[in-house]
N, C-alpha and C. Protein backbone atom coordinates (compact mmCIF):
# COMPACT_ATOMS: atom_id res chain seq x y z
N MET A 1 -3.46 -8.66 17.31
CA MET A 1 -3.69 -7.36 16.69
C MET A 1 -2.49 -7.01 15.81
N LYS A 2 -2.76 -6.49 14.65
CA LYS A 2 -1.74 -6.11 13.68
C LYS A 2 -1.14 -4.76 14.07
N LYS A 3 0.20 -4.67 14.04
CA LYS A 3 0.88 -3.41 14.32
C LYS A 3 1.51 -2.90 13.04
N ILE A 4 1.31 -1.63 12.77
CA ILE A 4 1.81 -1.00 11.54
C ILE A 4 2.60 0.25 11.91
N ASP A 5 3.78 0.38 11.31
CA ASP A 5 4.56 1.61 11.45
C ASP A 5 3.98 2.61 10.45
N THR A 6 3.16 3.53 10.94
CA THR A 6 2.46 4.45 10.05
C THR A 6 3.39 5.40 9.30
N SER A 7 4.64 5.51 9.71
CA SER A 7 5.58 6.35 8.97
C SER A 7 5.89 5.76 7.60
N LYS A 8 5.59 4.48 7.40
CA LYS A 8 5.83 3.81 6.12
C LYS A 8 4.62 3.91 5.19
N LEU A 9 3.52 4.45 5.69
CA LEU A 9 2.32 4.61 4.87
C LEU A 9 2.33 5.98 4.21
N SER A 10 1.91 6.03 2.97
CA SER A 10 1.83 7.32 2.29
C SER A 10 0.51 7.99 2.68
N ASN A 11 0.57 9.27 2.95
CA ASN A 11 -0.61 10.01 3.38
C ASN A 11 -1.57 10.31 2.24
N ASP A 12 -1.08 10.24 1.01
CA ASP A 12 -1.91 10.61 -0.14
C ASP A 12 -2.56 9.41 -0.82
N GLU A 13 -2.45 8.23 -0.21
CA GLU A 13 -3.03 7.02 -0.79
C GLU A 13 -3.88 6.30 0.25
N CYS A 14 -4.70 5.40 -0.20
CA CYS A 14 -5.65 4.68 0.64
C CYS A 14 -4.94 3.91 1.76
N TRP A 15 -5.25 4.26 3.00
CA TRP A 15 -4.66 3.56 4.14
C TRP A 15 -5.28 2.17 4.31
N GLY A 16 -6.53 2.02 3.88
CA GLY A 16 -7.18 0.71 3.96
C GLY A 16 -6.41 -0.34 3.18
N VAL A 17 -5.98 0.00 1.99
CA VAL A 17 -5.19 -0.92 1.16
C VAL A 17 -3.81 -1.12 1.77
N GLN A 18 -3.19 -0.04 2.23
CA GLN A 18 -1.84 -0.14 2.77
C GLN A 18 -1.80 -0.98 4.05
N ILE A 19 -2.83 -0.90 4.86
CA ILE A 19 -2.86 -1.64 6.13
C ILE A 19 -3.42 -3.04 5.95
N ASN A 20 -4.54 -3.16 5.25
CA ASN A 20 -5.24 -4.44 5.15
C ASN A 20 -4.90 -5.25 3.91
N GLY A 21 -4.23 -4.62 2.95
CA GLY A 21 -3.84 -5.32 1.74
C GLY A 21 -4.80 -5.13 0.59
N THR A 22 -4.44 -5.70 -0.53
CA THR A 22 -5.20 -5.51 -1.75
C THR A 22 -6.61 -6.11 -1.67
N GLY A 23 -6.81 -7.05 -0.79
CA GLY A 23 -8.14 -7.63 -0.60
C GLY A 23 -9.14 -6.62 -0.05
N HIS A 24 -8.64 -5.54 0.53
CA HIS A 24 -9.50 -4.49 1.06
C HIS A 24 -10.44 -3.94 -0.02
N CYS A 25 -10.00 -3.93 -1.24
CA CYS A 25 -10.77 -3.35 -2.35
C CYS A 25 -12.03 -4.15 -2.68
N ARG A 26 -12.07 -5.41 -2.31
CA ARG A 26 -13.24 -6.23 -2.64
C ARG A 26 -14.53 -5.67 -2.06
N ASN A 27 -14.45 -5.03 -0.91
CA ASN A 27 -15.64 -4.51 -0.24
C ASN A 27 -15.68 -2.98 -0.18
N CYS A 28 -14.86 -2.33 -0.98
CA CYS A 28 -14.76 -0.87 -0.93
C CYS A 28 -15.68 -0.23 -1.97
N LYS A 29 -16.45 0.76 -1.53
CA LYS A 29 -17.37 1.43 -2.45
C LYS A 29 -16.66 2.36 -3.43
N TRP A 30 -15.38 2.66 -3.19
CA TRP A 30 -14.64 3.59 -4.05
C TRP A 30 -13.89 2.86 -5.18
N THR A 31 -13.79 1.54 -5.12
CA THR A 31 -13.05 0.77 -6.12
C THR A 31 -13.63 1.01 -7.52
N GLY A 32 -12.74 1.30 -8.45
CA GLY A 32 -13.13 1.47 -9.84
C GLY A 32 -13.61 2.85 -10.24
N ILE A 33 -13.64 3.78 -9.30
CA ILE A 33 -14.05 5.14 -9.65
C ILE A 33 -12.91 6.11 -9.34
N SER A 34 -13.01 7.31 -9.85
CA SER A 34 -11.92 8.28 -9.71
C SER A 34 -11.62 8.65 -8.26
N ALA A 35 -12.57 8.46 -7.35
CA ALA A 35 -12.36 8.78 -5.94
C ALA A 35 -11.45 7.77 -5.23
N CYS A 36 -11.17 6.66 -5.86
CA CYS A 36 -10.31 5.62 -5.27
C CYS A 36 -8.88 6.15 -5.15
N GLU A 37 -8.36 6.11 -3.93
CA GLU A 37 -6.99 6.58 -3.70
C GLU A 37 -5.98 5.43 -3.64
N GLY A 38 -6.42 4.24 -4.03
CA GLY A 38 -5.53 3.09 -4.02
C GLY A 38 -5.20 2.57 -5.40
N GLN A 39 -5.63 3.29 -6.43
CA GLN A 39 -5.45 2.80 -7.80
C GLN A 39 -3.99 2.55 -8.16
N GLN A 40 -3.10 3.46 -7.78
CA GLN A 40 -1.68 3.31 -8.12
C GLN A 40 -1.07 2.12 -7.36
N ILE A 41 -1.49 1.92 -6.12
CA ILE A 41 -1.00 0.77 -5.33
C ILE A 41 -1.44 -0.52 -5.99
N ILE A 42 -2.69 -0.61 -6.38
CA ILE A 42 -3.20 -1.81 -7.03
C ILE A 42 -2.45 -2.05 -8.35
N LYS A 43 -2.19 -1.00 -9.08
CA LYS A 43 -1.50 -1.11 -10.38
C LYS A 43 -0.04 -1.55 -10.23
N THR A 44 0.68 -0.95 -9.26
CA THR A 44 2.12 -1.20 -9.14
C THR A 44 2.50 -2.19 -8.04
N GLY A 45 1.66 -2.29 -7.01
CA GLY A 45 2.00 -3.15 -5.86
C GLY A 45 2.84 -2.43 -4.82
N TYR A 46 3.05 -1.13 -5.01
CA TYR A 46 3.86 -0.33 -4.09
C TYR A 46 3.15 0.98 -3.77
N ASN A 47 3.37 1.48 -2.53
CA ASN A 47 2.84 2.80 -2.22
C ASN A 47 3.82 3.85 -2.72
N SER A 48 3.46 5.12 -2.61
CA SER A 48 4.31 6.18 -3.16
C SER A 48 5.61 6.37 -2.39
N LYS A 49 5.74 5.75 -1.23
CA LYS A 49 7.00 5.78 -0.48
C LYS A 49 7.93 4.63 -0.87
N GLY A 50 7.45 3.73 -1.73
CA GLY A 50 8.28 2.64 -2.22
C GLY A 50 8.12 1.34 -1.47
N TYR A 51 7.20 1.26 -0.54
CA TYR A 51 6.98 0.03 0.22
C TYR A 51 6.00 -0.87 -0.51
N LYS A 52 6.30 -2.16 -0.52
CA LYS A 52 5.45 -3.14 -1.19
C LYS A 52 4.17 -3.35 -0.39
N ILE A 53 3.06 -3.41 -1.11
CA ILE A 53 1.76 -3.68 -0.52
C ILE A 53 1.25 -4.98 -1.12
N GLY A 54 1.07 -5.96 -0.27
CA GLY A 54 0.61 -7.28 -0.73
C GLY A 54 -0.82 -7.56 -0.33
N GLU A 55 -1.22 -8.80 -0.48
CA GLU A 55 -2.58 -9.23 -0.15
C GLU A 55 -2.92 -8.96 1.31
N SER A 56 -1.90 -8.98 2.18
CA SER A 56 -2.14 -8.77 3.61
C SER A 56 -1.71 -7.39 4.10
N GLY A 57 -1.28 -6.52 3.20
CA GLY A 57 -0.90 -5.16 3.58
C GLY A 57 0.57 -4.88 3.39
N LEU A 58 1.06 -3.93 4.15
CA LEU A 58 2.43 -3.44 4.05
C LEU A 58 3.45 -4.56 4.24
N ILE A 59 4.42 -4.61 3.33
CA ILE A 59 5.53 -5.58 3.41
C ILE A 59 6.81 -4.77 3.46
N VAL A 60 7.42 -4.63 4.62
CA VAL A 60 8.57 -3.75 4.75
C VAL A 60 9.89 -4.41 4.35
N GLU A 61 9.95 -5.70 4.25
CA GLU A 61 11.20 -6.39 3.92
C GLU A 61 11.71 -6.07 2.53
N ASP A 62 10.82 -5.68 1.62
CA ASP A 62 11.21 -5.43 0.23
C ASP A 62 11.74 -4.03 -0.02
N PHE A 63 11.89 -3.23 1.02
CA PHE A 63 12.33 -1.86 0.83
C PHE A 63 13.79 -1.73 1.23
N ASN A 64 14.59 -1.14 0.36
CA ASN A 64 16.00 -0.93 0.63
C ASN A 64 16.19 0.49 1.18
N GLN A 65 16.40 0.60 2.47
CA GLN A 65 16.50 1.90 3.12
C GLN A 65 17.68 2.73 2.60
N GLU A 66 18.79 2.06 2.24
CA GLU A 66 19.98 2.80 1.80
C GLU A 66 19.79 3.43 0.42
N SER A 67 19.22 2.69 -0.51
CA SER A 67 19.06 3.21 -1.86
C SER A 67 17.75 3.96 -2.04
N GLY A 68 16.81 3.73 -1.14
CA GLY A 68 15.51 4.37 -1.26
C GLY A 68 14.64 3.72 -2.32
N LYS A 69 15.01 2.52 -2.74
CA LYS A 69 14.26 1.82 -3.77
C LYS A 69 13.88 0.43 -3.27
N HIS A 70 12.79 -0.08 -3.82
CA HIS A 70 12.37 -1.41 -3.44
C HIS A 70 13.20 -2.45 -4.17
N GLU A 71 13.35 -3.59 -3.55
CA GLU A 71 14.11 -4.69 -4.14
C GLU A 71 13.22 -5.46 -5.10
N ASP A 72 13.75 -5.83 -6.25
CA ASP A 72 12.98 -6.65 -7.21
C ASP A 72 13.41 -8.09 -7.15
């Protein structure tokens, strides 16, 4: 079972994408319409808290806690 620290998820964006990854959109009825709350994550690869979201979901290693910015 996958464990997620929900404090790293943004409340104003799609949790399905943040937890399950970008592949979640393949079967989502909201993809491509204005009701989609994952558009910015898909566009940038990061949630609004600065955590990287990959094909499998949240990637916490890319976040720099001290600077508050993700590592490139």
